[in-house]
Protein backbone atom coordinates (compact mmCIF):
# COMPACT_ATOMS: atom_id res chain seq x y z
CA UNK A 1 96.10 68.85 65.05
CA UNK A 2 98.52 69.76 68.02
CA UNK A 3 101.35 70.56 65.87
CA UNK A 4 99.35 73.05 64.28
CA UNK A 5 98.21 74.75 67.70
CA UNK A 6 101.68 74.84 68.62
CA UNK A 7 102.90 76.64 65.49
CA UNK A 8 100.11 79.08 65.44
CA UNK A 9 101.23 80.00 69.23
CA UNK A 10 104.55 80.40 68.55
CA UNK A 11 103.94 82.62 65.42
CA UNK A 12 101.60 84.80 67.52
CA UNK A 13 104.58 85.06 70.37
CA UNK A 14 106.78 85.97 67.35
CA UNK A 15 104.58 88.98 66.46
CA UNK A 16 106.07 90.63 69.50
CA UNK A 17 109.04 91.16 67.91
CA UNK A 18 108.25 93.76 65.47
CA UNK A 19 105.92 95.36 68.09
CA UNK A 20 109.37 95.83 70.41
CA UNK A 21 110.76 97.70 67.09
CA UNK A 22 107.72 100.00 66.34
CA UNK A 23 106.07 100.41 70.00
CA UNK A 24 108.73 103.10 71.16
CA UNK A 25 108.06 105.33 67.95
CA UNK A 26 104.16 105.73 68.95
CA UNK A 27 105.29 108.43 71.42
CA UNK A 28 106.48 110.48 68.50
CA UNK A 29 102.58 110.68 68.34
CA UNK A 30 102.88 113.48 71.04
CA UNK A 31 105.44 115.69 68.73
CA UNK A 32 102.40 118.36 67.81
CA UNK A 33 101.36 118.21 71.34
CA UNK A 34 98.58 115.90 73.52
CA UNK A 35 95.39 115.46 71.82
CA UNK A 36 93.15 112.66 71.81
CA UNK A 37 94.37 110.71 68.80
CA UNK A 38 97.71 110.71 70.28
CA UNK A 39 96.89 109.12 73.27
CA UNK A 40 94.52 106.79 71.73
CA UNK A 41 97.06 105.21 69.14
CA UNK A 42 99.92 105.42 72.08
CA UNK A 43 97.21 103.22 74.31
CA UNK A 44 96.51 100.75 71.49
CA UNK A 45 99.82 100.25 71.03
CA UNK A 46 101.00 99.83 74.55
CA UNK A 47 97.95 97.37 74.83
CA UNK A 48 98.81 95.18 72.33
CA UNK A 49 101.05 92.76 74.24
CA UNK A 50 98.58 92.34 76.78
CA UNK A 51 95.95 91.59 74.66
CA UNK A 52 98.17 89.18 72.66
CA UNK A 53 99.59 87.38 75.70
CA UNK A 54 95.82 86.96 77.44
CA UNK A 55 94.71 85.18 73.78
CA UNK A 56 98.19 83.11 73.52
CA UNK A 57 97.46 82.21 77.33
CA UNK A 58 93.92 80.86 76.74
CA UNK A 59 95.00 78.84 73.62
CA UNK A 60 97.75 77.13 75.96
CA UNK A 61 95.42 76.41 78.45
CA UNK A 62 93.12 74.91 75.50
CA UNK A 63 96.07 72.97 74.38
CA UNK A 64 96.75 72.02 77.70
CA UNK A 65 93.32 70.58 78.04
CA UNK A 66 93.80 68.34 74.74
CA UNK A 67 91.53 71.00 72.87
CA UNK A 68 93.40 72.00 69.75
CA UNK A 69 90.90 73.79 67.69
CA UNK A 70 90.21 75.89 70.37
CA UNK A 71 93.65 76.53 70.93
CA UNK A 72 94.07 77.48 67.30
CA UNK A 73 91.48 79.71 66.97
CA UNK A 74 92.48 81.63 70.16
CA UNK A 75 95.95 81.74 68.19
CA UNK A 76 94.30 83.06 65.28
CA UNK A 77 92.51 85.83 67.43
CA UNK A 78 95.79 86.84 69.02
CA UNK A 79 97.57 87.24 65.77
CA UNK A 80 94.59 89.11 64.07
CA UNK A 81 95.89 92.57 64.50
CA UNK A 82 98.96 91.63 62.57
CA UNK A 83 97.49 89.69 59.70
CA UNK A 84 95.42 93.20 59.10
CA UNK A 85 98.19 94.95 58.98
CA UNK A 86 100.18 92.79 56.94
CA UNK A 87 97.70 92.02 54.43
CA UNK A 88 97.21 95.85 53.07
CA UNK A 89 101.07 96.47 52.88
CA UNK A 90 101.42 93.07 50.81
CA UNK A 91 99.12 94.22 48.16
CA UNK A 92 101.10 95.49 45.12
CA UNK A 93 101.85 99.36 44.94
CA UNK A 94 102.76 99.58 48.64
């Protein structure tokens, strides 16, 4: 169970790699001028690593406290945005 927790936490950390490639393009939301939707998009894109690292840190603390089940849950919650984005993109027709 501990090995699964380590793998999930490392996968969650690995989701930062695609974010590093995509996040700079979020600034293009301001191409047509500043509006509320642009601020929301950029705010969400820039806050993703903060939320991710907070959940992964909580998972790591649970893992160090010998509670692998909660560490797995925290790791999966951290990866939830990436999973929700990956599932529709993996469907046929995209």
